[in-house]
N, C-alpha and C. Protein backbone atom coordinates (compact mmCIF):
# COMPACT_ATOMS: atom_id res chain seq x y z
N MET A 1 24.62 0.97 -16.02
CA MET A 1 23.53 1.51 -16.33
C MET A 1 24.16 3.09 -16.58
N ALA A 2 25.19 3.39 -15.99
CA ALA A 2 26.12 4.68 -16.32
C ALA A 2 25.89 5.25 -17.73
N ASN A 3 25.89 4.04 -18.55
CA ASN A 3 25.89 4.51 -20.11
C ASN A 3 24.47 4.82 -20.36
N ASP A 4 23.51 4.60 -19.85
CA ASP A 4 21.84 4.89 -20.04
C ASP A 4 22.01 6.66 -19.86
N LYS A 5 22.74 7.28 -18.90
CA LYS A 5 22.81 8.56 -18.59
C LYS A 5 23.14 9.55 -19.62
N LYS A 6 24.69 8.91 -20.62
CA LYS A 6 24.98 9.53 -21.49
C LYS A 6 24.05 9.25 -22.55
N SER A 7 23.67 8.39 -22.89
CA SER A 7 22.63 8.17 -23.91
C SER A 7 20.95 8.94 -23.96
N GLY A 8 20.84 9.53 -22.64
CA GLY A 8 19.95 10.01 -22.25
C GLY A 8 18.56 9.22 -21.99
N MET A 9 18.92 7.94 -21.90
CA MET A 9 17.77 6.74 -21.64
C MET A 9 18.36 6.93 -19.55
N LYS A 10 16.56 7.22 -19.26
CA LYS A 10 16.89 6.95 -17.68
C LYS A 10 15.95 6.13 -17.10
N SER A 11 16.23 5.30 -16.31
CA SER A 11 15.50 4.20 -15.41
C SER A 11 14.11 4.83 -15.01
N ALA A 12 13.03 3.96 -14.79
CA ALA A 12 11.78 4.50 -14.26
C ALA A 12 12.17 5.22 -13.28
N TYR A 13 13.01 4.51 -12.23
CA TYR A 13 13.22 4.91 -10.81
C TYR A 13 13.85 6.46 -10.83
N ASP A 14 14.30 6.65 -11.92
CA ASP A 14 15.44 8.27 -12.27
C ASP A 14 13.96 8.98 -12.39
N LEU A 15 13.28 8.56 -13.36
CA LEU A 15 12.09 9.21 -13.86
C LEU A 15 11.07 9.94 -12.62
N ALA A 16 10.86 8.99 -12.06
CA ALA A 16 10.03 8.94 -10.49
C ALA A 16 10.73 9.93 -10.05
N MET A 17 12.23 9.78 -9.20
CA MET A 17 12.72 10.99 -8.65
C MET A 17 12.51 12.24 -9.07
N GLU A 18 12.86 12.23 -10.56
CA GLU A 18 12.87 13.55 -10.83
C GLU A 18 11.46 14.19 -10.80
N ARG A 19 10.48 13.57 -10.76
CA ARG A 19 9.23 14.40 -10.70
C ARG A 19 9.04 14.45 -9.51
N LEU A 20 9.16 13.80 -8.44
CA LEU A 20 9.23 13.90 -7.11
C LEU A 20 9.73 15.57 -6.57
N GLU A 21 11.13 15.48 -7.20
CA GLU A 21 11.92 16.66 -7.11
C GLU A 21 11.29 17.73 -7.42
N LYS A 22 10.43 18.01 -9.02
CA LYS A 22 9.84 19.22 -9.50
C LYS A 22 8.57 19.62 -8.81
N ARG A 23 7.96 18.53 -8.27
CA ARG A 23 6.77 18.45 -7.64
C ARG A 23 6.91 19.40 -5.96
N ASP A 24 7.82 18.09 -5.31
CA ASP A 24 8.10 18.50 -3.98
C ASP A 24 9.42 19.23 -3.76
N GLY A 25 10.23 19.74 -4.76
CA GLY A 25 11.76 20.27 -4.07
C GLY A 25 12.25 18.89 -3.76
N LYS A 26 13.89 19.07 -3.30
CA LYS A 26 14.47 18.10 -3.12
C LYS A 26 13.87 17.13 -1.96
N LEU A 27 14.09 15.81 -1.99
CA LEU A 27 13.92 14.79 -0.91
C LEU A 27 15.01 14.92 0.40
N ALA A 28 14.11 15.07 1.13
CA ALA A 28 14.87 15.01 2.90
C ALA A 28 14.61 13.70 3.30
N PRO A 29 16.15 13.23 3.52
CA PRO A 29 16.03 11.82 4.22
C PRO A 29 15.00 11.58 5.38
N LEU A 30 14.96 10.33 5.39
CA LEU A 30 14.17 10.07 6.44
C LEU A 30 14.80 10.06 7.60
N SER A 31 14.25 10.35 8.85
CA SER A 31 14.72 10.11 10.14
C SER A 31 14.82 8.87 10.76
N GLN A 32 15.52 8.39 11.80
CA GLN A 32 15.30 7.14 12.23
C GLN A 32 13.94 6.37 12.97
N GLU A 33 13.24 8.19 13.35
CA GLU A 33 11.96 8.02 14.06
C GLU A 33 11.26 7.34 12.92
N GLN A 34 11.29 8.76 11.73
CA GLN A 34 10.07 7.97 10.59
C GLN A 34 10.51 6.68 10.25
N LYS A 35 11.51 6.19 9.92
CA LYS A 35 11.35 4.93 9.48
C LYS A 35 10.83 4.27 10.32
N LYS A 36 11.09 3.84 11.71
CA LYS A 36 10.61 2.95 12.72
C LYS A 36 9.03 3.37 12.78
N ALA A 37 8.43 4.47 12.22
CA ALA A 37 6.91 4.94 12.03
C ALA A 37 6.41 4.23 11.15
N LEU A 38 7.26 4.38 9.79
CA LEU A 38 7.16 3.74 8.69
C LEU A 38 6.60 2.02 8.72
N ALA A 39 7.79 1.51 9.26
CA ALA A 39 7.55 -0.09 9.64
C ALA A 39 6.32 -0.39 10.49
N GLU A 40 6.29 0.65 11.65
CA GLU A 40 5.26 0.15 12.65
C GLU A 40 3.75 -0.25 11.60
N VAL A 41 3.48 0.77 10.50
CA VAL A 41 2.52 1.38 10.21
C VAL A 41 2.35 -0.18 8.86
N GLU A 42 3.49 -0.19 8.62
CA GLU A 42 3.25 -1.43 7.34
C GLU A 42 3.24 -2.73 8.43
N ASN A 43 3.82 -2.85 9.32
CA ASN A 43 3.30 -3.77 10.53
C ASN A 43 1.98 -4.04 10.57
N LYS A 44 1.42 -2.82 11.01
CA LYS A 44 -0.17 -3.21 11.45
C LYS A 44 -0.91 -3.30 10.53
N ALA A 45 -0.48 -2.81 9.18
CA ALA A 45 -1.49 -2.84 8.14
C ALA A 45 -1.63 -4.51 7.82
N LYS A 46 -0.29 -4.89 7.65
CA LYS A 46 -0.11 -6.32 7.23
C LYS A 46 -1.09 -7.37 8.30
N ALA A 47 -0.72 -6.75 9.73
CA ALA A 47 -1.81 -7.67 10.58
C ALA A 47 -3.20 -7.51 10.36
N LYS A 48 -3.51 -6.08 10.21
CA LYS A 48 -4.93 -6.20 9.82
C LYS A 48 -5.56 -7.01 8.45
N THR A 49 -4.69 -7.06 7.36
CA THR A 49 -4.66 -7.83 6.09
C THR A 49 -5.06 -9.24 6.49
N ALA A 50 -4.32 -9.96 7.44
CA ALA A 50 -3.90 -11.17 7.86
C ALA A 50 -5.40 -11.68 8.36
N GLU A 51 -6.09 -10.49 9.21
CA GLU A 51 -7.18 -11.14 9.94
C GLU A 51 -8.42 -10.89 9.29
N PHE A 52 -8.19 -9.88 8.25
CA PHE A 52 -9.37 -9.79 7.54
C PHE A 52 -9.44 -11.08 6.55
N GLU A 53 -8.38 -11.45 5.86
CA GLU A 53 -7.91 -12.76 5.09
C GLU A 53 -8.84 -13.72 5.77
N ILE A 54 -8.73 -14.06 6.95
CA ILE A 54 -8.92 -15.16 7.80
C ILE A 54 -10.71 -15.02 7.74
N MET A 55 -11.12 -13.64 8.19
CA MET A 55 -12.37 -13.76 8.36
C MET A 55 -13.19 -13.89 7.07
N PHE A 56 -12.50 -13.45 5.88
CA PHE A 56 -13.46 -13.43 5.21
C PHE A 56 -13.19 -14.64 4.17
N ARG A 57 -12.40 -15.49 4.42
CA ARG A 57 -12.26 -16.89 4.22
C ARG A 57 -13.20 -17.27 4.41
N GLN A 58 -13.64 -17.23 5.80
CA GLN A 58 -14.73 -18.03 6.38
C GLN A 58 -16.09 -17.72 5.92
N LYS A 59 -16.18 -16.32 5.29
CA LYS A 59 -17.45 -15.89 4.89
C LYS A 59 -17.59 -16.50 3.72
N LEU A 60 -16.51 -16.38 2.92
CA LEU A 60 -16.48 -17.09 1.49
C LEU A 60 -16.77 -18.43 1.55
N GLU A 61 -16.42 -19.15 2.23
CA GLU A 61 -16.92 -20.88 2.68
C GLU A 61 -17.96 -21.09 2.88
N THR A 62 -18.71 -20.35 3.71
CA THR A 62 -19.93 -19.87 4.22
C THR A 62 -20.84 -19.91 2.87
N ALA A 63 -20.30 -18.69 2.00
CA ALA A 63 -21.32 -18.21 0.84
C ALA A 63 -21.40 -19.59 -0.01
N TYR A 64 -20.19 -20.29 -0.21
CA TYR A 64 -19.86 -21.41 -0.97
C TYR A 64 -21.02 -22.24 -1.01
N ALA A 65 -20.85 -22.74 0.29
CA ALA A 65 -21.92 -24.01 1.06
C ALA A 65 -23.27 -23.40 0.74
N GLY A 66 -23.45 -22.06 0.91
CA GLY A 66 -24.78 -21.78 0.29
C GLY A 66 -25.31 -21.85 -0.92
N GLY A 67 -24.34 -22.05 -2.34
CA GLY A 67 -24.38 -21.82 -3.41
C GLY A 67 -25.52 -20.79 -3.73
N LYS A 68 -25.23 -19.76 -3.55
CA LYS A 68 -25.66 -18.69 -4.19
C LYS A 68 -24.61 -17.62 -4.78
N PRO A 69 -24.47 -17.61 -5.92
CA PRO A 69 -23.20 -16.79 -6.78
C PRO A 69 -23.50 -15.33 -6.42
N GLU A 70 -24.58 -14.74 -6.24
CA GLU A 70 -24.84 -13.40 -5.74
C GLU A 70 -24.00 -12.94 -4.56
N GLU A 71 -24.34 -14.36 -3.73
CA GLU A 71 -24.11 -14.18 -2.43
C GLU A 71 -22.27 -14.33 -2.13
N ILE A 72 -21.75 -15.24 -2.98
CA ILE A 72 -20.49 -15.23 -3.33
C ILE A 72 -19.75 -13.94 -3.67
N GLU A 73 -20.21 -13.26 -5.06
CA GLU A 73 -19.69 -12.13 -5.54
C GLU A 73 -19.78 -10.70 -4.57
N GLU A 74 -20.95 -11.13 -3.64
CA GLU A 74 -21.01 -9.92 -2.78
C GLU A 74 -20.07 -10.17 -1.23
N VAL A 75 -19.23 -11.14 -1.18
CA VAL A 75 -18.50 -11.35 0.08
C VAL A 75 -17.16 -10.98 -0.53
N GLU A 76 -17.01 -11.25 -1.94
CA GLU A 76 -15.67 -11.11 -2.44
C GLU A 76 -15.40 -9.60 -2.95
N ARG A 77 -16.77 -8.68 -3.04
CA ARG A 77 -16.41 -7.18 -3.31
C ARG A 77 -16.16 -7.01 -1.88
N GLN A 78 -17.16 -7.01 -0.97
CA GLN A 78 -16.72 -6.73 0.35
C GLN A 78 -15.19 -6.97 0.87
N LYS A 79 -14.52 -8.26 0.70
CA LYS A 79 -13.62 -8.31 0.64
C LYS A 79 -12.34 -7.48 0.21
N ARG A 80 -12.41 -7.31 -1.10
CA ARG A 80 -11.74 -6.25 -2.19
C ARG A 80 -11.46 -4.92 -1.34
N SER A 81 -13.13 -4.30 -1.25
CA SER A 81 -13.11 -3.12 -0.41
C SER A 81 -12.72 -2.98 1.14
N GLU A 82 -12.35 -4.02 1.63
CA GLU A 82 -12.07 -3.80 2.76
C GLU A 82 -10.41 -3.86 2.66
N LEU A 83 -9.75 -4.65 2.11
CA LEU A 83 -8.63 -4.76 1.85
C LEU A 83 -7.92 -3.58 1.14
N ASP A 84 -8.79 -2.98 0.41
CA ASP A 84 -8.31 -2.03 -0.41
C ASP A 84 -8.28 -0.80 0.94
N ARG A 85 -9.20 -0.57 1.45
CA ARG A 85 -9.31 0.47 2.80
C ARG A 85 -8.06 0.36 3.54
N ILE A 86 -7.75 -0.84 4.02
CA ILE A 86 -6.55 -1.21 4.85
C ILE A 86 -5.54 -0.44 4.01
N ARG A 87 -5.23 -0.79 2.89
CA ARG A 87 -3.84 -0.25 2.14
C ARG A 87 -4.03 1.42 1.93
N ARG A 88 -5.21 1.47 1.49
CA ARG A 88 -5.19 3.14 1.67
C ARG A 88 -4.98 3.76 2.76
N GLN A 89 -5.72 3.36 3.76
CA GLN A 89 -5.26 4.31 5.29
C GLN A 89 -3.78 3.97 5.53
N ALA A 90 -3.06 2.86 5.30
CA ALA A 90 -1.44 2.63 5.68
C ALA A 90 -0.81 3.49 4.56
N GLU A 91 -1.10 3.63 3.49
CA GLU A 91 -0.35 4.97 2.61
C GLU A 91 -0.57 5.92 2.92
N GLU A 92 -1.60 6.27 3.37
CA GLU A 92 -2.01 7.81 3.70
C GLU A 92 -1.24 8.13 5.18
N ALA A 93 -1.15 7.40 5.99
CA ALA A 93 -0.50 7.34 7.16
C ALA A 93 1.37 7.32 7.08
N LYS A 94 1.70 6.69 5.78
CA LYS A 94 3.00 6.60 5.63
C LYS A 94 3.24 7.85 5.00
N GLU A 95 2.30 8.38 4.12
CA GLU A 95 2.88 9.52 3.54
C GLU A 95 3.00 10.46 4.69
N ARG A 96 1.95 10.69 5.67
CA ARG A 96 1.93 11.76 6.84
C ARG A 96 3.24 11.86 7.64
N ILE A 97 3.73 10.55 7.72
CA ILE A 97 5.06 10.17 8.69
C ILE A 97 6.29 11.01 7.67
N ARG A 98 6.10 10.68 6.56
CA ARG A 98 6.99 11.03 5.53
C ARG A 98 7.21 12.64 5.35
N GLN A 99 6.15 13.27 5.27
CA GLN A 99 6.17 14.56 5.53
C GLN A 99 6.47 15.48 6.68
N GLY A 100 6.43 14.45 7.81
CA GLY A 100 6.55 14.81 9.05
C GLY A 100 5.51 15.08 9.88
N GLN A 101 4.24 14.76 9.55
CA GLN A 101 3.15 15.46 9.90
C GLN A 101 2.39 14.22 10.94
N GLY A 102 2.96 12.71 10.92
CA GLY A 102 2.46 11.68 11.68
C GLY A 102 3.51 11.36 12.99
């Protein structure tokens, strides 16, 4: 990888870090407290995801048993929407923590 720097080639990681530094200035290292808070947010998001996976599996089984494709599609849409919401909320919470607001 050291040769990449000499030849002008940069990894995706290096490019992303440069963009972050240009946008936000130098990145501050995370404190132990922030690391713990980030881990807690991640664990809660995983637990919520598992809970909804179970709930929607049951709903999906019921929809398949009913044999109505539109009902199956609606349950799958709801599941995707809910999982996306959980992920979004977790990422927003993690970003607040990284910025020292959470």
